[in-house]
């Protein structure tokens, strides 16, 4: 199964989902599936910034000895962003409308992460 198939499946399963991507911690997208309604938002630029944030959070958790970071969310007025680590080098990121199904998004990313890891 391809990355695109997994990403499309995530977006189609979650109410309010706008886009999903497999990202490297270098900020480069491996693959992305995006609905047309997300066109007005520049999600790729936001996700590059969030990759930096996620890297910093991983380092902070390591230095504080709190255990590995597995999931992070950034909630703003227009977009809920969920990030789920897939491997030490990659993570899944899901953008939802502010009224999207946050809980279902978390669940679907958790279930999909091992499938994407197997593809890497």
PDB file of N, CA and C in Angstrom:
ATOM      1  N   UNK A   1       0.844  -1.171   0.000  1.00  0.00           N
ATOM      2  CA  UNK A   1       0.000   0.000   0.000  1.00  0.00           C
ATOM      3  C   UNK A   1       0.901   1.251   0.000  1.00  0.00           C
ATOM      4  N   UNK A   2       0.525   2.266  -0.719  1.00  0.00           N
ATOM      5  CA  UNK A   2       1.351   3.469  -0.822  1.00  0.00           C
ATOM      6  C   UNK A   2       1.043   4.453   0.309  1.00  0.00           C
ATOM      7  N   UNK A   3       1.959   5.398   0.513  1.00  0.00           N
ATOM      8  CA  UNK A   3       1.727   6.446   1.502  1.00  0.00           C
ATOM      9  C   UNK A   3       0.428   7.181   1.195  1.00  0.00           C
ATOM     10  N   UNK A   4       0.239   7.513  -0.084  1.00  0.00           N
ATOM     11  CA  UNK A   4      -0.946   8.282  -0.489  1.00  0.00           C
ATOM     12  C   UNK A   4      -2.222   7.562  -0.078  1.00  0.00           C
ATOM     13  N   UNK A   5      -2.258   6.256  -0.211  1.00  0.00           N
ATOM     14  CA  UNK A   5      -3.442   5.476   0.162  1.00  0.00           C
ATOM     15  C   UNK A   5      -3.717   5.600   1.654  1.00  0.00           C
ATOM     16  N   UNK A   6      -2.672   5.500   2.473  1.00  0.00           N
ATOM     17  CA  UNK A   6      -2.838   5.646   3.929  1.00  0.00           C
ATOM     18  C   UNK A   6      -3.315   7.059   4.277  1.00  0.00           C
ATOM     19  N   UNK A   7      -2.717   8.063   3.659  1.00  0.00           N
ATOM     20  CA  UNK A   7      -3.057   9.453   3.962  1.00  0.00           C
ATOM     21  C   UNK A   7      -4.488   9.778   3.547  1.00  0.00           C
ATOM     22  N   UNK A   8      -4.874   9.313   2.375  1.00  0.00           N
ATOM     23  CA  UNK A   8      -6.245   9.524   1.910  1.00  0.00           C
ATOM     24  C   UNK A   8      -7.239   8.831   2.839  1.00  0.00           C
ATOM     25  N   UNK A   9      -6.887   7.648   3.288  1.00  0.00           N
ATOM     26  CA  UNK A   9      -7.745   6.913   4.214  1.00  0.00           C
ATOM     27  C   UNK A   9      -7.939   7.683   5.517  1.00  0.00           C
ATOM     28  N   UNK A  10      -6.872   8.264   6.051  1.00  0.00           N
ATOM     29  CA  UNK A  10      -6.973   9.064   7.275  1.00  0.00           C
ATOM     30  C   UNK A  10      -7.935  10.229   7.059  1.00  0.00           C
ATOM     31  N   UNK A  11      -7.735  10.982   5.996  1.00  0.00           N
ATOM     32  CA  UNK A  11      -8.575  12.159   5.724  1.00  0.00           C
ATOM     33  C   UNK A  11     -10.035  11.752   5.533  1.00  0.00           C
ATOM     34  N   UNK A  12     -10.271  10.654   4.853  1.00  0.00           N
ATOM     35  CA  UNK A  12     -11.642  10.222   4.587  1.00  0.00           C
ATOM     36  C   UNK A  12     -12.346   9.667   5.819  1.00  0.00           C
ATOM     37  N   UNK A  13     -11.600   9.197   6.809  1.00  0.00           N
ATOM     38  CA  UNK A  13     -12.204   8.622   8.015  1.00  0.00           C
ATOM     39  C   UNK A  13     -12.552   9.649   9.081  1.00  0.00           C
ATOM     40  N   UNK A  14     -11.958  10.840   8.999  1.00  0.00           N
ATOM     41  CA  UNK A  14     -12.106  11.818  10.080  1.00  0.00           C
ATOM     42  C   UNK A  14     -12.940  13.011   9.609  1.00  0.00           C
ATOM     43  N   UNK A  15     -14.053  13.250  10.276  1.00  0.00           N
ATOM     44  CA  UNK A  15     -14.898  14.400   9.948  1.00  0.00           C
ATOM     45  C   UNK A  15     -14.113  15.692  10.166  1.00  0.00           C
ATOM     46  N   UNK A  16     -14.139  16.564   9.168  1.00  0.00           N
ATOM     47  CA  UNK A  16     -13.460  17.843   9.270  1.00  0.00           C
ATOM     48  C   UNK A  16     -11.999  17.819   8.878  1.00  0.00           C
ATOM     49  N   UNK A  17     -11.497  16.658   8.459  1.00  0.00           N
ATOM     50  CA  UNK A  17     -10.091  16.564   8.064  1.00  0.00           C
ATOM     51  C   UNK A  17      -9.857  17.333   6.768  1.00  0.00           C
ATOM     52  N   UNK A  18      -8.755  18.080   6.729  1.00  0.00           N
ATOM     53  CA  UNK A  18      -8.394  18.865   5.550  1.00  0.00           C
ATOM     54  C   UNK A  18      -7.248  18.243   4.774  1.00  0.00           C
ATOM     55  N   UNK A  19      -6.248  17.732   5.495  1.00  0.00           N
ATOM     56  CA  UNK A  19      -5.062  17.186   4.835  1.00  0.00           C
ATOM     57  C   UNK A  19      -4.286  16.322   5.814  1.00  0.00           C
ATOM     58  N   UNK A  20      -3.488  15.425   5.250  1.00  0.00           N
ATOM     59  CA  UNK A  20      -2.620  14.568   6.048  1.00  0.00           C
ATOM     60  C   UNK A  20      -1.325  14.375   5.270  1.00  0.00           C
ATOM     61  N   UNK A  21      -0.223  14.305   6.007  1.00  0.00           N
ATOM     62  CA  UNK A  21       1.083  14.190   5.363  1.00  0.00           C
ATOM     63  C   UNK A  21       2.012  13.322   6.188  1.00  0.00           C
ATOM     64  N   UNK A  22       2.951  12.681   5.505  1.00  0.00           N
ATOM     65  CA  UNK A  22       4.100  12.041   6.150  1.00  0.00           C
ATOM     66  C   UNK A  22       5.237  13.032   5.991  1.00  0.00           C
ATOM     67  N   UNK A  23       5.785  13.477   7.113  1.00  0.00           N
ATOM     68  CA  UNK A  23       6.830  14.495   7.101  1.00  0.00           C
ATOM     69  C   UNK A  23       8.102  13.959   7.748  1.00  0.00           C
ATOM     70  N   UNK A  24       9.218  14.455   7.264  1.00  0.00           N
ATOM     71  CA  UNK A  24      10.481  14.204   7.923  1.00  0.00           C
ATOM     72  C   UNK A  24      10.749  15.333   8.899  1.00  0.00           C
ATOM     73  N   UNK A  25      11.585  15.075   9.879  1.00  0.00           N
ATOM     74  CA  UNK A  25      11.913  16.123  10.844  1.00  0.00           C
ATOM     75  C   UNK A  25      12.748  17.236  10.215  1.00  0.00           C
ATOM     76  N   UNK A  26      13.192  17.026   8.991  1.00  0.00           N
ATOM     77  CA  UNK A  26      13.882  18.087   8.251  1.00  0.00           C
ATOM     78  C   UNK A  26      12.885  19.057   7.616  1.00  0.00           C
ATOM     79  N   UNK A  27      11.584  18.786   7.774  1.00  0.00           N
ATOM     80  CA  UNK A  27      10.551  19.665   7.236  1.00  0.00           C
ATOM     81  C   UNK A  27      10.125  19.336   5.823  1.00  0.00           C
ATOM     82  N   UNK A  28      10.670  18.260   5.269  1.00  0.00           N
ATOM     83  CA  UNK A  28      10.325  17.873   3.904  1.00  0.00           C
ATOM     84  C   UNK A  28       9.218  16.821   3.938  1.00  0.00           C
ATOM     85  N   UNK A  29       8.172  17.078   3.162  1.00  0.00           N
ATOM     86  CA  UNK A  29       7.053  16.150   3.070  1.00  0.00           C
ATOM     87  C   UNK A  29       7.410  14.971   2.177  1.00  0.00           C
ATOM     88  N   UNK A  30       7.135  13.769   2.650  1.00  0.00           N
ATOM     89  CA  UNK A  30       7.330  12.564   1.841  1.00  0.00           C
ATOM     90  C   UNK A  30       6.154  12.423   0.881  1.00  0.00           C
ATOM     91  N   UNK A  31       4.950  12.619   1.406  1.00  0.00           N
ATOM     92  CA  UNK A  31       3.742  12.583   0.586  1.00  0.00           C
ATOM     93  C   UNK A  31       2.621  13.269   1.357  1.00  0.00           C
ATOM     94  N   UNK A  32       1.657  13.819   0.618  1.00  0.00           N
ATOM     95  CA  UNK A  32       0.544  14.546   1.220  1.00  0.00           C
ATOM     96  C   UNK A  32      -0.726  14.259   0.448  1.00  0.00           C
ATOM     97  N   UNK A  33      -1.818  14.145   1.180  1.00  0.00           N
ATOM     98  CA  UNK A  33      -3.141  14.124   0.577  1.00  0.00           C
ATOM     99  C   UNK A  33      -3.905  15.297   1.163  1.00  0.00           C
ATOM    100  N   UNK A  34      -4.497  16.129   0.294  1.00  0.00           N
ATOM    101  CA  UNK A  34      -5.172  17.337   0.741  1.00  0.00           C
ATOM    102  C   UNK A  34      -6.501  17.499   0.012  1.00  0.00           C
ATOM    103  N   UNK A  35      -7.536  17.828   0.758  1.00  0.00           N
ATOM    104  CA  UNK A  35      -8.843  18.126   0.163  1.00  0.00           C
ATOM    105  C   UNK A  35      -8.794  19.501  -0.494  1.00  0.00           C
ATOM    106  N   UNK A  36      -9.641  19.710  -1.478  1.00  0.00           N
ATOM    107  CA  UNK A  36      -9.698  21.004  -2.164  1.00  0.00           C
ATOM    108  C   UNK A  36     -10.026  22.152  -1.217  1.00  0.00           C
ATOM    109  N   UNK A  37     -10.869  21.899  -0.221  1.00  0.00           N
ATOM    110  CA  UNK A  37     -11.278  22.964   0.696  1.00  0.00           C
ATOM    111  C   UNK A  37     -10.118  23.488   1.547  1.00  0.00           C
ATOM    112  N   UNK A  38      -9.012  22.780   1.586  1.00  0.00           N
ATOM    113  CA  UNK A  38      -7.838  23.230   2.339  1.00  0.00           C
ATOM    114  C   UNK A  38      -6.964  24.153   1.505  1.00  0.00           C
ATOM    115  N   UNK A  39      -7.321  24.361   0.236  1.00  0.00           N
ATOM    116  CA  UNK A  39      -6.502  25.129  -0.688  1.00  0.00           C
ATOM    117  C   UNK A  39      -6.129  26.515  -0.228  1.00  0.00           C
ATOM    118  N   UNK A  40      -7.015  27.182   0.496  1.00  0.00           N
ATOM    119  CA  UNK A  40      -6.733  28.547   0.938  1.00  0.00           C
ATOM    120  C   UNK A  40      -5.709  28.604   2.075  1.00  0.00           C
ATOM    121  N   UNK A  41      -5.500  27.502   2.763  1.00  0.00           N
ATOM    122  CA  UNK A  41      -4.535  27.449   3.857  1.00  0.00           C
ATOM    123  C   UNK A  41      -3.192  26.962   3.340  1.00  0.00           C
ATOM    124  N   UNK A  42      -2.124  27.593   3.778  1.00  0.00           N
ATOM    125  CA  UNK A  42      -0.782  27.163   3.378  1.00  0.00           C
ATOM    126  C   UNK A  42      -0.243  26.188   4.428  1.00  0.00           C
ATOM    127  N   UNK A  43      -0.783  24.982   4.417  1.00  0.00           N
ATOM    128  CA  UNK A  43      -0.455  24.000   5.434  1.00  0.00           C
ATOM    129  C   UNK A  43       1.003  23.550   5.370  1.00  0.00           C
ATOM    130  N   UNK A  44       1.562  23.463   4.180  1.00  0.00           N
ATOM    131  CA  UNK A  44       2.938  22.966   4.066  1.00  0.00           C
ATOM    132  C   UNK A  44       3.920  23.872   4.797  1.00  0.00           C
ATOM    133  N   UNK A  45       3.708  25.180   4.745  1.00  0.00           N
ATOM    134  CA  UNK A  45       4.592  26.106   5.465  1.00  0.00           C
ATOM    135  C   UNK A  45       4.422  25.930   6.975  1.00  0.00           C
ATOM    136  N   UNK A  46       3.176  25.803   7.417  1.00  0.00           N
ATOM    137  CA  UNK A  46       2.919  25.588   8.844  1.00  0.00           C
ATOM    138  C   UNK A  46       3.569  24.299   9.314  1.00  0.00           C
ATOM    139  N   UNK A  47       3.473  23.253   8.504  1.00  0.00           N
ATOM    140  CA  UNK A  47       4.014  21.961   8.907  1.00  0.00           C
ATOM    141  C   UNK A  47       5.535  21.964   9.001  1.00  0.00           C
ATOM    142  N   UNK A  48       6.194  22.754   8.178  1.00  0.00           N
ATOM    143  CA  UNK A  48       7.649  22.892   8.293  1.00  0.00           C
ATOM    144  C   UNK A  48       7.986  23.499   9.656  1.00  0.00           C
ATOM    145  N   UNK A  49       7.241  24.523  10.050  1.00  0.00           N
ATOM    146  CA  UNK A  49       7.457  25.150  11.360  1.00  0.00           C
ATOM    147  C   UNK A  49       7.145  24.171  12.485  1.00  0.00           C
ATOM    148  N   UNK A  50       6.085  23.394  12.326  1.00  0.00           N
ATOM    149  CA  UNK A  50       5.722  22.428  13.352  1.00  0.00           C
ATOM    150  C   UNK A  50       6.767  21.310  13.463  1.00  0.00           C
ATOM    151  N   UNK A  51       7.431  20.970  12.369  1.00  0.00           N
ATOM    152  CA  UNK A  51       8.514  19.985  12.423  1.00  0.00           C
ATOM    153  C   UNK A  51       9.621  20.496  13.339  1.00  0.00           C
ATOM    154  N   UNK A  52       9.936  21.795  13.239  1.00  0.00           N
ATOM    155  CA  UNK A  52      10.920  22.401  14.137  1.00  0.00           C
ATOM    156  C   UNK A  52      10.456  22.329  15.585  1.00  0.00           C
ATOM    157  N   UNK A  53       9.201  22.672  15.806  1.00  0.00           N
ATOM    158  CA  UNK A  53       8.636  22.629  17.145  1.00  0.00           C
ATOM    159  C   UNK A  53       8.689  21.218  17.715  1.00  0.00           C
ATOM    160  N   UNK A  54       8.331  20.254  16.916  1.00  0.00           N
ATOM    161  CA  UNK A  54       8.337  18.864  17.349  1.00  0.00           C
ATOM    162  C   UNK A  54       9.752  18.402  17.690  1.00  0.00           C
ATOM    163  N   UNK A  55      10.727  18.831  16.921  1.00  0.00           N
ATOM    164  CA  UNK A  55      12.131  18.504  17.215  1.00  0.00           C
ATOM    165  C   UNK A  55      12.525  19.075  18.572  1.00  0.00           C
ATOM    166  N   UNK A  56      12.163  20.316  18.832  1.00  0.00           N
ATOM    167  CA  UNK A  56      12.482  20.941  20.116  1.00  0.00           C
ATOM    168  C   UNK A  56      11.788  20.230  21.275  1.00  0.00           C
ATOM    169  N   UNK A  57      10.548  19.834  21.076  1.00  0.00           N
ATOM    170  CA  UNK A  57       9.824  19.112  22.121  1.00  0.00           C
ATOM    171  C   UNK A  57      10.453  17.751  22.401  1.00  0.00           C
ATOM    172  N   UNK A  58      10.913  17.090  21.363  1.00  0.00           N
ATOM    173  CA  UNK A  58      11.593  15.801  21.550  1.00  0.00           C
ATOM    174  C   UNK A  58      12.863  15.978  22.379  1.00  0.00           C
ATOM    175  N   UNK A  59      13.632  17.015  22.082  1.00  0.00           N
ATOM    176  CA  UNK A  59      14.864  17.282  22.834  1.00  0.00           C
ATOM    177  C   UNK A  59      14.547  17.648  24.289  1.00  0.00           C
ATOM    178  N   UNK A  60      13.508  18.434  24.493  1.00  0.00           N
ATOM    179  CA  UNK A  60      13.114  18.817  25.851  1.00  0.00           C
ATOM    180  C   UNK A  60      12.696  17.596  26.661  1.00  0.00           C
ATOM    181  N   UNK A  61      11.887  16.725  26.073  1.00  0.00           N
ATOM    182  CA  UNK A  61      11.450  15.512  26.769  1.00  0.00           C
ATOM    183  C   UNK A  61      12.639  14.623  27.102  1.00  0.00           C
ATOM    184  N   UNK A  62      13.596  14.557  26.186  1.00  0.00           N
ATOM    185  CA  UNK A  62      14.799  13.753  26.413  1.00  0.00           C
ATOM    186  C   UNK A  62      15.611  14.316  27.577  1.00  0.00           C
ATOM    187  N   UNK A  63      15.832  15.625  27.586  1.00  0.00           N
ATOM    188  CA  UNK A  63      16.638  16.229  28.649  1.00  0.00           C
ATOM    189  C   UNK A  63      15.920  16.191  29.997  1.00  0.00           C
ATOM    190  N   UNK A  64      14.596  16.229  29.987  1.00  0.00           N
ATOM    191  CA  UNK A  64      13.816  16.157  31.224  1.00  0.00           C
ATOM    192  C   UNK A  64      13.571  14.718  31.673  1.00  0.00           C
ATOM    193  N   UNK A  65      13.959  13.766  30.816  1.00  0.00           N
ATOM    194  CA  UNK A  65      13.791  12.338  31.104  1.00  0.00           C
ATOM    195  C   UNK A  65      12.326  11.969  31.387  1.00  0.00           C
ATOM    196  N   UNK A  66      11.427  12.553  30.568  1.00  0.00           N
ATOM    197  CA  UNK A  66       9.999  12.268  30.719  1.00  0.00           C
ATOM    198  C   UNK A  66       9.519  11.163  29.789  1.00  0.00           C
ATOM    199  N   UNK A  67      10.411  10.640  28.965  1.00  0.00           N
ATOM    200  CA  UNK A  67      10.030   9.619  27.998  1.00  0.00           C
ATOM    201  C   UNK A  67       9.861  10.227  26.617  1.00  0.00           C
ATOM    202  N   UNK A  68       9.738   9.378  25.651  1.00  0.00           N
ATOM    203  CA  UNK A  68       9.650   9.828  24.258  1.00  0.00           C
ATOM    204  C   UNK A  68       8.315  10.511  23.979  1.00  0.00           C
ATOM    205  N   UNK A  69       8.357  11.551  23.167  1.00  0.00           N
ATOM    206  CA  UNK A  69       7.145  12.225  22.709  1.00  0.00           C
ATOM    207  C   UNK A  69       6.508  11.329  21.647  1.00  0.00           C
ATOM    208  N   UNK A  70       5.205  11.107  21.756  1.00  0.00           N
ATOM    209  CA  UNK A  70       4.532  10.285  20.757  1.00  0.00           C
ATOM    210  C   UNK A  70       3.509  11.080  19.954  1.00  0.00           C
ATOM    211  N   UNK A  71       2.960  12.144  20.559  1.00  0.00           N
ATOM    212  CA  UNK A  71       1.912  12.903  19.886  1.00  0.00           C
ATOM    213  C   UNK A  71       1.914  14.342  20.387  1.00  0.00           C
ATOM    214  N   UNK A  72       1.643  15.263  19.476  1.00  0.00           N
ATOM    215  CA  UNK A  72       1.554  16.683  19.818  1.00  0.00           C
ATOM    216  C   UNK A  72       0.395  17.273  19.021  1.00  0.00           C
ATOM    217  N   UNK A  73      -0.330  18.209  19.625  1.00  0.00           N
ATOM    218  CA  UNK A  73      -1.362  18.920  18.875  1.00  0.00           C
ATOM    219  C   UNK A  73      -1.174  20.420  19.049  1.00  0.00           C
ATOM    220  N   UNK A  74      -1.507  21.138  17.991  1.00  0.00           N
ATOM    221  CA  UNK A  74      -1.494  22.592  17.999  1.00  0.00           C
ATOM    222  C   UNK A  74      -2.887  23.018  17.564  1.00  0.00           C
ATOM    223  N   UNK A  75      -3.589  23.682  18.459  1.00  0.00           N
ATOM    224  CA  UNK A  75      -4.966  24.058  18.187  1.00  0.00           C
ATOM    225  C   UNK A  75      -5.061  25.571  18.031  1.00  0.00           C
ATOM    226  N   UNK A  76      -5.501  26.009  16.867  1.00  0.00           N
ATOM    227  CA  UNK A  76      -5.673  27.440  16.610  1.00  0.00           C
ATOM    228  C   UNK A  76      -7.134  27.711  16.266  1.00  0.00           C
ATOM    229  N   UNK A  77      -7.449  28.957  16.006  1.00  0.00           N
ATOM    230  CA  UNK A  77      -8.844  29.325  15.733  1.00  0.00           C
ATOM    231  C   UNK A  77      -9.430  28.598  14.529  1.00  0.00           C
ATOM    232  N   UNK A  78      -8.631  28.400  13.484  1.00  0.00           N
ATOM    233  CA  UNK A  78      -9.142  27.824  12.241  1.00  0.00           C
ATOM    234  C   UNK A  78      -8.763  26.365  12.018  1.00  0.00           C
ATOM    235  N   UNK A  79      -7.637  25.943  12.572  1.00  0.00           N
ATOM    236  CA  UNK A  79      -7.126  24.607  12.261  1.00  0.00           C
ATOM    237  C   UNK A  79      -6.632  23.895  13.515  1.00  0.00           C
ATOM    238  N   UNK A  80      -7.029  22.635  13.648  1.00  0.00           N
ATOM    239  CA  UNK A  80      -6.470  21.749  14.665  1.00  0.00           C
ATOM    240  C   UNK A  80      -5.428  20.901  13.959  1.00  0.00           C
ATOM    241  N   UNK A  81      -4.225  20.865  14.490  1.00  0.00           N
ATOM    242  CA  UNK A  81      -3.148  20.096  13.869  1.00  0.00           C
ATOM    243  C   UNK A  81      -2.695  19.021  14.834  1.00  0.00           C
ATOM    244  N   UNK A  82      -2.722  17.778  14.381  1.00  0.00           N
ATOM    245  CA  UNK A  82      -2.270  16.634  15.169  1.00  0.00           C
ATOM    246  C   UNK A  82      -1.012  16.068  14.530  1.00  0.00           C
ATOM    247  N   UNK A  83      -0.005  15.783  15.349  1.00  0.00           N
ATOM    248  CA  UNK A  83       1.224  15.166  14.853  1.00  0.00           C
ATOM    249  C   UNK A  83       1.491  13.906  15.654  1.00  0.00           C
ATOM    250  N   UNK A  84       1.760  12.826  14.950  1.00  0.00           N
ATOM    251  CA  UNK A  84       2.021  11.529  15.582  1.00  0.00           C
ATOM    252  C   UNK A  84       3.334  10.985  15.053  1.00  0.00           C
ATOM    253  N   UNK A  85       4.269  10.672  15.938  1.00  0.00           N
ATOM    254  CA  UNK A  85       5.553  10.139  15.505  1.00  0.00           C
ATOM    255  C   UNK A  85       5.377   8.747  14.920  1.00  0.00           C
ATOM    256  N   UNK A  86       6.091   8.514  13.816  1.00  0.00           N
ATOM    257  CA  UNK A  86       6.044   7.230  13.122  1.00  0.00           C
ATOM    258  C   UNK A  86       7.355   6.486  13.357  1.00  0.00           C
ATOM    259  N   UNK A  87       8.449   7.228  13.354  1.00  0.00           N
ATOM    260  CA  UNK A  87       9.792   6.677  13.554  1.00  0.00           C
ATOM    261  C   UNK A  87      10.664   7.820  14.069  1.00  0.00           C
ATOM    262  N   UNK A  88      11.928   7.563  14.373  1.00  0.00           N
ATOM    263  CA  UNK A  88      12.800   8.662  14.812  1.00  0.00           C
ATOM    264  C   UNK A  88      13.006   9.746  13.750  1.00  0.00           C
ATOM    265  N   UNK A  89      12.732   9.442  12.490  1.00  0.00           N
ATOM    266  CA  UNK A  89      12.950  10.405  11.410  1.00  0.00           C
ATOM    267  C   UNK A  89      11.675  10.992  10.814  1.00  0.00           C
ATOM    268  N   UNK A  90      10.510  10.366  11.068  1.00  0.00           N
ATOM    269  CA  UNK A  90       9.281  10.764  10.384  1.00  0.00           C
ATOM    270  C   UNK A  90       8.094  10.852  11.334  1.00  0.00           C
ATOM    271  N   UNK A  91       7.101  11.669  10.930  1.00  0.00           N
ATOM    272  CA  UNK A  91       5.867  11.778  11.686  1.00  0.00           C
ATOM    273  C   UNK A  91       4.698  12.006  10.729  1.00  0.00           C
ATOM    274  N   UNK A  92       3.505  11.688  11.204  1.00  0.00           N
ATOM    275  CA  UNK A  92       2.271  11.971  10.477  1.00  0.00           C
ATOM    276  C   UNK A  92       1.718  13.276  11.010  1.00  0.00           C
ATOM    277  N   UNK A  93       1.182  14.092  10.131  1.00  0.00           N
ATOM    278  CA  UNK A  93       0.535  15.332  10.547  1.00  0.00           C
ATOM    279  C   UNK A  93      -0.838  15.393   9.882  1.00  0.00           C
ATOM    280  N   UNK A  94      -1.838  15.759  10.675  1.00  0.00           N
ATOM    281  CA  UNK A  94      -3.220  15.831  10.206  1.00  0.00           C
ATOM    282  C   UNK A  94      -3.774  17.202  10.541  1.00  0.00           C
ATOM    283  N   UNK A  95      -4.335  17.872   9.558  1.00  0.00           N
ATOM    284  CA  UNK A  95      -4.987  19.171   9.759  1.00  0.00           C
ATOM    285  C   UNK A  95      -6.495  18.970   9.709  1.00  0.00           C
ATOM    286  N   UNK A  96      -7.179  19.524  10.698  1.00  0.00           N
ATOM    287  CA  UNK A  96      -8.636  19.453  10.783  1.00  0.00           C
ATOM    288  C   UNK A  96      -9.204  20.867  10.880  1.00  0.00           C
ATOM    289  N   UNK A  97     -10.406  21.044  10.378  1.00  0.00           N
ATOM    290  CA  UNK A  97     -11.117  22.297  10.655  1.00  0.00           C
ATOM    291  C   UNK A  97     -11.274  22.405  12.172  1.00  0.00           C
ATOM    292  N   UNK A  98     -11.485  23.607  12.661  1.00  0.00           N
ATOM    293  CA  UNK A  98     -11.615  23.819  14.106  1.00  0.00           C
ATOM    294  C   UNK A  98     -12.765  23.004  14.712  1.00  0.00           C
ATOM    295  N   UNK A  99     -13.778  22.693  13.906  1.00  0.00           N
ATOM    296  CA  UNK A  99     -14.904  21.895  14.401  1.00  0.00           C
ATOM    297  C   UNK A  99     -14.770  20.412  14.027  1.00  0.00           C
ATOM    298  N   UNK A 100     -13.586  20.009  13.580  1.00  0.00           N
ATOM    299  CA  UNK A 100     -13.347  18.622  13.186  1.00  0.00           C
ATOM    300  C   UNK A 100     -13.345  17.678  14.371  1.00  0.00           C
ATOM    301  N   UNK A 101     -13.403  16.396  14.084  1.00  0.00           N
ATOM    302  CA  UNK A 101     -13.466  15.359  15.120  1.00  0.00           C
ATOM    303  C   UNK A 101     -12.053  15.043  15.632  1.00  0.00           C
ATOM    304  N   UNK A 102     -11.636  15.794  16.635  1.00  0.00           N
ATOM    305  CA  UNK A 102     -10.299  15.700  17.215  1.00  0.00           C
ATOM    306  C   UNK A 102      -9.990  14.287  17.747  1.00  0.00           C
ATOM    307  N   UNK A 103     -10.919  13.718  18.491  1.00  0.00           N
ATOM    308  CA  UNK A 103     -10.710  12.391  19.074  1.00  0.00           C
ATOM    309  C   UNK A 103     -10.544  11.314  18.011  1.00  0.00           C
ATOM    310  N   UNK A 104     -11.373  11.368  16.989  1.00  0.00           N
ATOM    311  CA  UNK A 104     -11.268  10.391  15.902  1.00  0.00           C
ATOM    312  C   UNK A 104      -9.953  10.581  15.152  1.00  0.00           C
ATOM    313  N   UNK A 105      -9.533  11.838  14.986  1.00  0.00           N
ATOM    314  CA  UNK A 105      -8.254  12.111  14.336  1.00  0.00           C
ATOM    315  C   UNK A 105      -7.095  11.483  15.095  1.00  0.00           C
ATOM    316  N   UNK A 106      -7.093  11.632  16.408  1.00  0.00           N
ATOM    317  CA  UNK A 106      -6.040  11.020  17.236  1.00  0.00           C
ATOM    318  C   UNK A 106      -6.047   9.504  17.072  1.00  0.00           C
ATOM    319  N   UNK A 107      -7.241   8.920  17.142  1.00  0.00           N
ATOM    320  CA  UNK A 107      -7.360   7.469  17.024  1.00  0.00           C
ATOM    321  C   UNK A 107      -6.851   6.971  15.670  1.00  0.00           C
ATOM    322  N   UNK A 108      -7.295   7.603  14.598  1.00  0.00           N
ATOM    323  CA  UNK A 108      -6.928   7.144  13.256  1.00  0.00           C
ATOM    324  C   UNK A 108      -5.421   7.299  13.025  1.00  0.00           C
ATOM    325  N   UNK A 109      -4.819   8.386  13.520  1.00  0.00           N
ATOM    326  CA  UNK A 109      -3.362   8.526  13.389  1.00  0.00           C
ATOM    327  C   UNK A 109      -2.633   7.440  14.167  1.00  0.00           C
ATOM    328  N   UNK A 110      -3.125   7.119  15.371  1.00  0.00           N
ATOM    329  CA  UNK A 110      -2.485   6.080  16.190  1.00  0.00           C
ATOM    330  C   UNK A 110      -2.536   4.722  15.492  1.00  0.00           C
ATOM    331  N   UNK A 111      -3.640   4.422  14.851  1.00  0.00           N
ATOM    332  CA  UNK A 111      -3.796   3.148  14.144  1.00  0.00           C
ATOM    333  C   UNK A 111      -2.998   3.132  12.827  1.00  0.00           C
ATOM    334  N   UNK A 112      -2.895   4.269  12.183  1.00  0.00           N
ATOM    335  CA  UNK A 112      -2.231   4.357  10.879  1.00  0.00           C
ATOM    336  C   UNK A 112      -0.704   4.413  11.001  1.00  0.00           C
ATOM    337  N   UNK A 113      -0.184   4.965  12.078  1.00  0.00           N
ATOM    338  CA  UNK A 113       1.272   5.137  12.239  1.00  0.00           C
ATOM    339  C   UNK A 113       2.055   3.828  12.022  1.00  0.00           C
ATOM    340  N   UNK A 114       1.656   2.701  12.603  1.00  0.00           N
ATOM    341  CA  UNK A 114       2.421   1.474  12.346  1.00  0.00           C
ATOM    342  C   UNK A 114       2.376   1.018  10.879  1.00  0.00           C
ATOM    343  N   UNK A 115       1.290   1.295  10.199  1.00  0.00           N
ATOM    344  CA  UNK A 115       1.167   0.931   8.786  1.00  0.00           C
ATOM    345  C   UNK A 115       2.139   1.756   7.946  1.00  0.00           C
ATOM    346  N   UNK A 116       2.229   3.056   8.265  1.00  0.00           N
ATOM    347  CA  UNK A 116       3.163   3.933   7.542  1.00  0.00           C
ATOM    348  C   UNK A 116       4.602   3.545   7.874  1.00  0.00           C
ATOM    349  N   UNK A 117       4.858   3.221   9.152  1.00  0.00           N
ATOM    350  CA  UNK A 117       6.209   2.800   9.548  1.00  0.00           C
ATOM    351  C   UNK A 117       6.654   1.577   8.734  1.00  0.00           C
ATOM    352  N   UNK A 118       5.734   0.652   8.502  1.00  0.00           N
ATOM    353  CA  UNK A 118       6.057  -0.545   7.719  1.00  0.00           C
ATOM    354  C   UNK A 118       6.414  -0.206   6.272  1.00  0.00           C
ATOM    355  N   UNK A 119       5.905   0.915   5.753  1.00  0.00           N
ATOM    356  CA  UNK A 119       6.197   1.331   4.382  1.00  0.00           C
ATOM    357  C   UNK A 119       7.550   2.047   4.240  1.00  0.00           C
ATOM    358  N   UNK A 120       8.063   2.565   5.362  1.00  0.00           N
ATOM    359  CA  UNK A 120       9.305   3.352   5.295  1.00  0.00           C
ATOM    360  C   UNK A 120      10.529   2.485   5.031  1.00  0.00           C
TER     361      UNK A 120
END
